[in-house]
């Protein structure tokens, strides 16, 4: 698990720079998910990158949580756009084929 401290930038040094944008984006989402799972009991997974929209699935404690929209838009989207400014929106989607981490 990559270490992530609240209020600090995620350590992305172990993500290969030669990886594709989607691979690097998925690695960042895994880092964010590790933090969310450890501290809040939820998780997030990348579903797809379609143009400038990132689709994610949120689960665990995030399902039904009244703060999941804040987590999605304020924290996940904010971190993603900091590292990937070409991503203009991050949306949560419902899927039935993604297993929990």
Foldseek 3Di string as FASTA:
>chain_A
DFDDDPPDQGPLVVQDPPDDPVSSLQVVQVSVQVVCCVPPNKGKGWDDCDQLETEIAIDGNLVPDPCVVCCQVVPSVVNSCVVVVSRDYYYYDDDDPDDDD
